Amino acid sequence: MLIETEPGRPNGRRKILRYSWVVVALVALYVGVVLFSRWRGNRELLARARAQAAAEQRAQDAQSIENMGGTRFEILGFYASPGVIRRGDRVSLCYAVANTQAVEIEPDIQRPLWPSPSRCLDISPTKTTTYILTAEDGQGHKKTASLTIEVR
C-alpha cells in the first residue's frame, strides 16, 4: 500500500532526493579543497628542496673551482709515480694546471699535451732524467716546475 500525499506536496523520499545534490556538491567541494591544498603544499616543499639543492650544488661547484686553482694562473701539481724505476719500467708522469693556455714538458715526451686540471702520461725513461713542466697563461706569463725520475 502506497502512502498518498496531498497533491503538490512531495513525499519524504522525493524531498531527500531533491536536496541530496546539495550534500554531494558540498562533499565534492570539500574534497577538492583538501586535495588542492595538499597539492599546493607539496609544490612549495618541492620548490624549497630544489632551491636548497641548487644552493648546495653552487657551493660545491665554487669549492671545486677553488680546489682547481680558481681564477689564479698556477701549476697545481707535477709528480711521477713511482719516482724510482728500473730501466724498461713504466712511470706515470702527472701534471695539473689552472688557467693556462699552453703546457710543455722538457725533454719532449713524444705525447700531445694540453692544459688540464689533472692528467697523467705513461712514459719509460732509459736513464735518470729531470723533467721541466712549463705552463703559460694568455698574457705570456710562464711558470715552471721540475722533477727527477731516477732510473737504476
N, C-alpha and C. Protein backbone atom coordinates (compact mmCIF):
# COMPACT_ATOMS: atom_id res chain seq x y z
N MET A 1 0.82 -1.16 0.00
CA MET A 1 0.00 0.00 0.00
C MET A 1 0.88 1.24 0.00
N LEU A 2 0.64 2.11 -0.91
CA LEU A 2 1.40 3.33 -1.04
C LEU A 2 0.82 4.40 -0.15
N ILE A 3 1.74 5.22 0.33
CA ILE A 3 1.29 6.32 1.15
C ILE A 3 1.00 7.47 0.21
N GLU A 4 -0.15 7.92 0.29
CA GLU A 4 -0.51 9.01 -0.59
C GLU A 4 -0.32 10.32 0.13
N THR A 5 0.16 11.27 -0.61
CA THR A 5 0.35 12.59 -0.03
C THR A 5 -0.58 13.55 -0.73
N GLU A 6 -0.66 14.68 -0.17
CA GLU A 6 -1.50 15.70 -0.79
C GLU A 6 -0.91 16.07 -2.14
N PRO A 7 -1.74 16.34 -3.10
CA PRO A 7 -1.22 16.73 -4.40
C PRO A 7 -0.42 18.03 -4.28
N GLY A 8 0.73 18.09 -4.99
CA GLY A 8 1.57 19.28 -4.95
C GLY A 8 2.60 19.26 -3.84
N ARG A 9 2.48 18.33 -2.90
CA ARG A 9 3.46 18.19 -1.81
C ARG A 9 4.22 16.89 -2.02
N PRO A 10 5.57 17.00 -2.17
CA PRO A 10 6.36 15.77 -2.37
C PRO A 10 6.42 14.96 -1.09
N ASN A 11 6.54 13.63 -1.27
CA ASN A 11 6.68 12.79 -0.09
C ASN A 11 8.11 12.85 0.42
N GLY A 12 8.45 12.14 1.50
CA GLY A 12 9.75 12.21 2.16
C GLY A 12 10.91 11.80 1.27
N ARG A 13 10.71 10.74 0.50
CA ARG A 13 11.77 10.28 -0.38
C ARG A 13 12.11 11.32 -1.44
N ARG A 14 11.13 11.87 -1.99
CA ARG A 14 11.35 12.86 -3.03
C ARG A 14 12.04 14.10 -2.46
N LYS A 15 11.69 14.45 -1.23
CA LYS A 15 12.33 15.59 -0.59
C LYS A 15 13.83 15.31 -0.40
N ILE A 16 14.14 14.10 0.05
CA ILE A 16 15.54 13.73 0.27
C ILE A 16 16.29 13.75 -1.05
N LEU A 17 15.73 13.18 -2.08
CA LEU A 17 16.38 13.15 -3.38
C LEU A 17 16.54 14.54 -3.96
N ARG A 18 15.57 15.38 -3.71
CA ARG A 18 15.62 16.73 -4.26
C ARG A 18 16.79 17.52 -3.68
N TYR A 19 17.10 17.33 -2.41
CA TYR A 19 18.17 18.10 -1.76
C TYR A 19 19.49 17.33 -1.60
N SER A 20 19.55 16.09 -2.02
CA SER A 20 20.77 15.30 -1.88
C SER A 20 21.89 15.83 -2.77
N TRP A 21 21.59 16.45 -3.88
CA TRP A 21 22.63 17.01 -4.75
C TRP A 21 23.42 18.09 -4.03
N VAL A 22 22.77 18.78 -3.09
CA VAL A 22 23.46 19.81 -2.32
C VAL A 22 24.54 19.16 -1.44
N VAL A 23 24.20 18.05 -0.80
CA VAL A 23 25.15 17.34 0.05
C VAL A 23 26.31 16.81 -0.79
N VAL A 24 26.01 16.22 -1.94
CA VAL A 24 27.05 15.69 -2.83
C VAL A 24 27.96 16.83 -3.30
N ALA A 25 27.40 17.97 -3.64
CA ALA A 25 28.20 19.11 -4.09
C ALA A 25 29.09 19.63 -2.97
N LEU A 26 28.58 19.70 -1.74
CA LEU A 26 29.38 20.16 -0.61
C LEU A 26 30.53 19.19 -0.32
N VAL A 27 30.28 17.90 -0.37
CA VAL A 27 31.33 16.90 -0.15
C VAL A 27 32.38 17.00 -1.25
N ALA A 28 31.96 17.12 -2.49
CA ALA A 28 32.90 17.25 -3.61
C ALA A 28 33.73 18.52 -3.47
N LEU A 29 33.11 19.61 -3.05
CA LEU A 29 33.84 20.86 -2.84
C LEU A 29 34.87 20.71 -1.72
N TYR A 30 34.50 20.05 -0.63
CA TYR A 30 35.43 19.83 0.48
C TYR A 30 36.61 18.98 0.04
N VAL A 31 36.35 17.88 -0.67
CA VAL A 31 37.42 17.01 -1.15
C VAL A 31 38.33 17.77 -2.11
N GLY A 32 37.74 18.58 -2.97
CA GLY A 32 38.54 19.38 -3.90
C GLY A 32 39.44 20.36 -3.17
N VAL A 33 38.93 21.02 -2.15
CA VAL A 33 39.73 21.98 -1.39
C VAL A 33 40.87 21.27 -0.68
N VAL A 34 40.62 20.11 -0.08
CA VAL A 34 41.65 19.36 0.63
C VAL A 34 42.74 18.91 -0.35
N LEU A 35 42.35 18.35 -1.47
CA LEU A 35 43.32 17.89 -2.46
C LEU A 35 44.14 19.05 -3.02
N PHE A 36 43.50 20.18 -3.31
CA PHE A 36 44.23 21.33 -3.83
C PHE A 36 45.22 21.87 -2.81
N SER A 37 44.83 21.95 -1.55
CA SER A 37 45.75 22.50 -0.54
C SER A 37 46.94 21.57 -0.34
N ARG A 38 46.74 20.27 -0.39
CA ARG A 38 47.86 19.33 -0.27
C ARG A 38 48.78 19.42 -1.49
N TRP A 39 48.19 19.55 -2.67
CA TRP A 39 48.98 19.68 -3.89
C TRP A 39 49.85 20.94 -3.83
N ARG A 40 49.23 22.05 -3.41
CA ARG A 40 49.98 23.31 -3.31
C ARG A 40 51.07 23.22 -2.26
N GLY A 41 50.79 22.60 -1.13
CA GLY A 41 51.80 22.42 -0.08
C GLY A 41 52.97 21.58 -0.56
N ASN A 42 52.67 20.52 -1.29
CA ASN A 42 53.74 19.67 -1.83
C ASN A 42 54.59 20.42 -2.85
N ARG A 43 53.96 21.25 -3.67
CA ARG A 43 54.72 22.05 -4.64
C ARG A 43 55.65 23.03 -3.94
N GLU A 44 55.18 23.65 -2.85
CA GLU A 44 56.01 24.57 -2.09
C GLU A 44 57.20 23.84 -1.46
N LEU A 45 56.95 22.65 -0.89
CA LEU A 45 58.04 21.86 -0.31
C LEU A 45 59.06 21.47 -1.37
N LEU A 46 58.57 21.05 -2.52
CA LEU A 46 59.46 20.66 -3.61
C LEU A 46 60.28 21.85 -4.10
N ALA A 47 59.65 23.02 -4.21
CA ALA A 47 60.38 24.22 -4.65
C ALA A 47 61.47 24.58 -3.64
N ARG A 48 61.17 24.49 -2.34
CA ARG A 48 62.19 24.78 -1.32
C ARG A 48 63.33 23.77 -1.38
N ALA A 49 62.98 22.49 -1.56
CA ALA A 49 64.02 21.46 -1.63
C ALA A 49 64.90 21.67 -2.86
N ARG A 50 64.31 22.03 -3.98
CA ARG A 50 65.11 22.29 -5.19
C ARG A 50 66.01 23.50 -5.01
N ALA A 51 65.50 24.54 -4.38
CA ALA A 51 66.30 25.74 -4.15
C ALA A 51 67.48 25.43 -3.23
N GLN A 52 67.24 24.63 -2.19
CA GLN A 52 68.31 24.26 -1.27
C GLN A 52 69.34 23.39 -1.97
N ALA A 53 68.89 22.44 -2.79
CA ALA A 53 69.81 21.58 -3.53
C ALA A 53 70.64 22.40 -4.52
N ALA A 54 70.03 23.38 -5.17
CA ALA A 54 70.76 24.24 -6.10
C ALA A 54 71.81 25.07 -5.37
N ALA A 55 71.46 25.58 -4.19
CA ALA A 55 72.43 26.37 -3.41
C ALA A 55 73.59 25.49 -2.98
N GLU A 56 73.31 24.27 -2.54
CA GLU A 56 74.38 23.34 -2.15
C GLU A 56 75.26 22.99 -3.34
N GLN A 57 74.66 22.80 -4.52
CA GLN A 57 75.43 22.49 -5.72
C GLN A 57 76.33 23.66 -6.11
N ARG A 58 75.80 24.89 -6.01
CA ARG A 58 76.62 26.07 -6.32
C ARG A 58 77.81 26.17 -5.37
N ALA A 59 77.57 25.91 -4.09
CA ALA A 59 78.67 25.96 -3.12
C ALA A 59 79.71 24.88 -3.42
N GLN A 60 79.25 23.69 -3.78
CA GLN A 60 80.16 22.60 -4.12
C GLN A 60 80.94 22.92 -5.39
N ASP A 61 80.28 23.51 -6.39
CA ASP A 61 80.95 23.90 -7.62
C ASP A 61 82.01 24.97 -7.35
N ALA A 62 81.67 25.95 -6.52
CA ALA A 62 82.63 27.00 -6.18
C ALA A 62 83.85 26.41 -5.48
N GLN A 63 83.62 25.44 -4.57
CA GLN A 63 84.73 24.81 -3.88
C GLN A 63 85.59 24.00 -4.85
N SER A 64 84.96 23.32 -5.80
CA SER A 64 85.72 22.55 -6.80
C SER A 64 86.57 23.47 -7.66
N ILE A 65 86.00 24.59 -8.07
CA ILE A 65 86.76 25.55 -8.88
C ILE A 65 87.93 26.10 -8.08
N GLU A 66 87.68 26.40 -6.81
CA GLU A 66 88.77 26.90 -5.96
C GLU A 66 89.85 25.84 -5.79
N ASN A 67 89.46 24.59 -5.62
CA ASN A 67 90.43 23.49 -5.48
C ASN A 67 91.26 23.31 -6.75
N MET A 68 90.67 23.65 -7.90
CA MET A 68 91.39 23.50 -9.16
C MET A 68 92.10 24.79 -9.56
N GLY A 69 92.30 25.69 -8.62
CA GLY A 69 93.08 26.89 -8.91
C GLY A 69 92.26 28.15 -9.00
N GLY A 70 90.95 28.04 -8.94
CA GLY A 70 90.12 29.24 -9.01
C GLY A 70 90.41 30.03 -10.26
N THR A 71 90.66 31.31 -10.10
CA THR A 71 90.98 32.17 -11.24
C THR A 71 92.47 32.45 -11.31
N ARG A 72 93.24 31.80 -10.45
CA ARG A 72 94.69 32.00 -10.43
C ARG A 72 95.36 31.18 -11.53
N PHE A 73 96.40 31.76 -12.12
CA PHE A 73 97.26 31.04 -13.06
C PHE A 73 98.26 30.29 -12.20
N GLU A 74 98.20 28.94 -12.26
CA GLU A 74 99.00 28.17 -11.31
C GLU A 74 99.27 26.76 -11.81
N ILE A 75 100.44 26.25 -11.43
CA ILE A 75 100.72 24.82 -11.59
C ILE A 75 100.29 24.17 -10.28
N LEU A 76 99.25 23.34 -10.36
CA LEU A 76 98.70 22.72 -9.17
C LEU A 76 99.50 21.50 -8.72
N GLY A 77 100.12 20.83 -9.67
CA GLY A 77 100.92 19.65 -9.31
C GLY A 77 101.72 19.14 -10.48
N PHE A 78 102.87 18.53 -10.15
CA PHE A 78 103.73 17.90 -11.15
C PHE A 78 104.49 16.82 -10.41
N TYR A 79 104.18 15.54 -10.71
CA TYR A 79 104.79 14.44 -9.96
C TYR A 79 104.87 13.19 -10.84
N ALA A 80 105.65 12.23 -10.38
CA ALA A 80 105.79 10.95 -11.07
C ALA A 80 105.53 9.84 -10.06
N SER A 81 104.94 8.76 -10.54
CA SER A 81 104.68 7.63 -9.66
C SER A 81 105.01 6.35 -10.41
N PRO A 82 105.96 5.59 -9.98
CA PRO A 82 106.89 5.81 -8.87
C PRO A 82 108.01 6.76 -9.31
N GLY A 83 108.74 7.27 -8.34
CA GLY A 83 109.82 8.21 -8.61
C GLY A 83 111.13 7.53 -8.95
N VAL A 84 111.25 6.23 -8.60
CA VAL A 84 112.46 5.46 -8.89
C VAL A 84 112.01 4.19 -9.62
N ILE A 85 112.64 3.93 -10.78
CA ILE A 85 112.27 2.74 -11.57
C ILE A 85 113.52 2.02 -12.05
N ARG A 86 113.32 0.84 -12.61
CA ARG A 86 114.40 0.10 -13.27
C ARG A 86 114.28 0.36 -14.77
N ARG A 87 115.37 0.29 -15.45
CA ARG A 87 115.39 0.51 -16.90
C ARG A 87 114.35 -0.40 -17.56
N GLY A 88 113.51 0.20 -18.42
CA GLY A 88 112.46 -0.56 -19.11
C GLY A 88 111.10 -0.49 -18.43
N ASP A 89 111.06 -0.09 -17.16
CA ASP A 89 109.78 0.04 -16.45
C ASP A 89 109.06 1.31 -16.90
N ARG A 90 107.78 1.32 -16.66
CA ARG A 90 106.96 2.49 -16.99
C ARG A 90 106.69 3.31 -15.73
N VAL A 91 106.49 4.60 -15.93
CA VAL A 91 106.19 5.51 -14.84
C VAL A 91 105.07 6.44 -15.30
N SER A 92 104.20 6.83 -14.38
CA SER A 92 103.15 7.81 -14.69
C SER A 92 103.67 9.20 -14.36
N LEU A 93 103.74 10.04 -15.36
CA LEU A 93 104.15 11.43 -15.20
C LEU A 93 102.86 12.25 -15.22
N CYS A 94 102.56 12.91 -14.11
CA CYS A 94 101.28 13.59 -13.96
C CYS A 94 101.48 15.09 -13.76
N TYR A 95 100.56 15.85 -14.33
CA TYR A 95 100.58 17.30 -14.12
C TYR A 95 99.17 17.82 -13.96
N ALA A 96 99.05 18.98 -13.30
CA ALA A 96 97.77 19.65 -13.10
C ALA A 96 98.03 21.15 -13.15
N VAL A 97 97.29 21.84 -14.01
CA VAL A 97 97.46 23.29 -14.16
C VAL A 97 96.09 23.97 -14.15
N ALA A 98 96.10 25.24 -13.78
CA ALA A 98 94.86 26.02 -13.75
C ALA A 98 95.06 27.32 -14.53
N ASN A 99 94.07 27.65 -15.33
CA ASN A 99 94.02 28.91 -16.08
C ASN A 99 95.25 29.12 -16.96
N THR A 100 95.61 28.10 -17.70
CA THR A 100 96.75 28.19 -18.61
C THR A 100 96.26 28.05 -20.05
N GLN A 101 97.08 28.55 -20.96
CA GLN A 101 96.77 28.44 -22.39
C GLN A 101 97.59 27.32 -23.03
N ALA A 102 98.78 27.06 -22.48
CA ALA A 102 99.66 26.05 -23.09
C ALA A 102 100.53 25.41 -22.01
N VAL A 103 100.87 24.13 -22.22
CA VAL A 103 101.81 23.44 -21.35
C VAL A 103 102.85 22.74 -22.21
N GLU A 104 104.03 22.58 -21.63
CA GLU A 104 105.14 21.95 -22.34
C GLU A 104 105.99 21.20 -21.32
N ILE A 105 106.50 20.03 -21.71
CA ILE A 105 107.40 19.27 -20.84
C ILE A 105 108.71 19.07 -21.61
N GLU A 106 109.79 19.39 -20.93
CA GLU A 106 111.14 19.22 -21.50
C GLU A 106 111.87 18.18 -20.65
N PRO A 107 112.60 17.26 -21.16
CA PRO A 107 112.72 16.94 -22.57
C PRO A 107 111.39 16.41 -23.11
N ASP A 108 111.22 16.51 -24.42
CA ASP A 108 109.97 16.13 -25.08
C ASP A 108 109.65 14.66 -24.80
N ILE A 109 108.39 14.40 -24.43
CA ILE A 109 107.98 13.03 -24.10
C ILE A 109 107.21 12.36 -25.24
N GLN A 110 107.15 13.03 -26.38
CA GLN A 110 106.52 12.47 -27.58
C GLN A 110 105.04 12.16 -27.40
N ARG A 111 104.37 12.98 -26.62
CA ARG A 111 102.93 12.83 -26.42
C ARG A 111 102.30 14.22 -26.55
N PRO A 112 101.08 14.32 -27.08
CA PRO A 112 100.42 15.63 -27.14
C PRO A 112 100.09 16.11 -25.72
N LEU A 113 100.27 17.40 -25.49
CA LEU A 113 99.99 17.99 -24.17
C LEU A 113 98.96 19.10 -24.33
N TRP A 114 98.16 19.26 -23.31
CA TRP A 114 97.20 20.36 -23.26
C TRP A 114 96.93 20.70 -21.81
N PRO A 115 96.43 21.92 -21.54
CA PRO A 115 96.12 22.31 -20.17
C PRO A 115 95.04 21.41 -19.60
N SER A 116 95.25 20.96 -18.38
CA SER A 116 94.29 20.07 -17.74
C SER A 116 94.41 20.20 -16.22
N PRO A 117 93.28 20.12 -15.51
CA PRO A 117 93.37 20.15 -14.05
C PRO A 117 93.91 18.85 -13.47
N SER A 118 94.02 17.81 -14.31
CA SER A 118 94.60 16.54 -13.86
C SER A 118 94.83 15.64 -15.07
N ARG A 119 96.09 15.34 -15.34
CA ARG A 119 96.40 14.48 -16.48
C ARG A 119 97.67 13.70 -16.19
N CYS A 120 97.68 12.40 -16.53
CA CYS A 120 98.84 11.54 -16.34
C CYS A 120 99.21 10.89 -17.68
N LEU A 121 100.50 10.75 -17.90
CA LEU A 121 101.02 10.12 -19.11
C LEU A 121 101.99 9.02 -18.71
N ASP A 122 101.90 7.88 -19.39
CA ASP A 122 102.84 6.79 -19.13
C ASP A 122 104.07 6.98 -20.00
N ILE A 123 105.23 6.99 -19.35
CA ILE A 123 106.49 7.11 -20.08
C ILE A 123 107.46 6.04 -19.58
N SER A 124 108.53 5.83 -20.33
CA SER A 124 109.52 4.84 -19.96
C SER A 124 110.92 5.41 -20.23
N PRO A 125 111.44 6.22 -19.28
CA PRO A 125 112.77 6.79 -19.50
C PRO A 125 113.85 5.71 -19.42
N THR A 126 114.92 5.91 -20.18
CA THR A 126 116.01 4.93 -20.20
C THR A 126 117.14 5.30 -19.25
N LYS A 127 117.15 6.53 -18.78
CA LYS A 127 118.17 6.98 -17.82
C LYS A 127 117.55 7.99 -16.87
N THR A 128 118.23 8.28 -15.77
CA THR A 128 117.74 9.27 -14.81
C THR A 128 117.57 10.60 -15.55
N THR A 129 116.35 11.16 -15.43
CA THR A 129 116.01 12.35 -16.20
C THR A 129 115.28 13.36 -15.33
N THR A 130 115.62 14.64 -15.52
CA THR A 130 114.88 15.72 -14.87
C THR A 130 113.93 16.31 -15.90
N TYR A 131 112.65 16.31 -15.56
CA TYR A 131 111.61 16.86 -16.45
C TYR A 131 111.20 18.24 -15.93
N ILE A 132 110.98 19.16 -16.86
CA ILE A 132 110.56 20.51 -16.51
C ILE A 132 109.23 20.79 -17.19
N LEU A 133 108.23 21.11 -16.37
CA LEU A 133 106.91 21.49 -16.87
C LEU A 133 106.86 23.01 -16.95
N THR A 134 106.48 23.53 -18.10
CA THR A 134 106.31 24.98 -18.28
C THR A 134 104.86 25.24 -18.65
N ALA A 135 104.21 26.11 -17.90
CA ALA A 135 102.82 26.50 -18.17
C ALA A 135 102.81 27.98 -18.53
N GLU A 136 101.98 28.34 -19.51
CA GLU A 136 101.89 29.73 -19.95
C GLU A 136 100.43 30.16 -19.97
N ASP A 137 100.18 31.36 -19.44
CA ASP A 137 98.81 31.87 -19.46
C ASP A 137 98.59 32.71 -20.72
N GLY A 138 97.44 33.31 -20.86
CA GLY A 138 97.09 34.07 -22.05
C GLY A 138 97.86 35.36 -22.23
N GLN A 139 98.50 35.90 -21.17
CA GLN A 139 99.24 37.15 -21.27
C GLN A 139 100.75 36.94 -21.41
N GLY A 140 101.16 35.71 -21.61
CA GLY A 140 102.58 35.44 -21.81
C GLY A 140 103.36 35.16 -20.54
N HIS A 141 102.71 35.13 -19.39
CA HIS A 141 103.39 34.79 -18.14
C HIS A 141 103.67 33.29 -18.11
N LYS A 142 104.82 32.92 -17.58
CA LYS A 142 105.19 31.50 -17.52
C LYS A 142 105.52 31.10 -16.09
N LYS A 143 105.20 29.84 -15.78
CA LYS A 143 105.59 29.22 -14.50
C LYS A 143 106.17 27.86 -14.83
N THR A 144 107.12 27.44 -13.99
CA THR A 144 107.76 26.14 -14.22
C THR A 144 107.78 25.31 -12.95
N ALA A 145 107.88 24.01 -13.15
CA ALA A 145 108.07 23.05 -12.05
C ALA A 145 108.93 21.93 -12.61
N SER A 146 109.69 21.29 -11.73
CA SER A 146 110.56 20.21 -12.21
C SER A 146 110.50 19.01 -11.29
N LEU A 147 110.89 17.87 -11.83
CA LEU A 147 111.01 16.65 -11.04
C LEU A 147 112.01 15.73 -11.72
N THR A 148 112.58 14.86 -10.93
CA THR A 148 113.58 13.92 -11.44
C THR A 148 113.07 12.50 -11.24
N ILE A 149 113.14 11.71 -12.30
CA ILE A 149 112.81 10.30 -12.24
C ILE A 149 114.15 9.55 -12.28
N GLU A 150 114.40 8.77 -11.26
CA GLU A 150 115.66 8.05 -11.16
C GLU A 150 115.50 6.66 -11.78
N VAL A 151 116.41 6.33 -12.70
CA VAL A 151 116.42 5.02 -13.35
C VAL A 151 117.65 4.28 -12.86
N ARG A 152 117.47 3.05 -12.34
CA ARG A 152 118.59 2.26 -11.81
C ARG A 152 118.94 1.14 -12.73
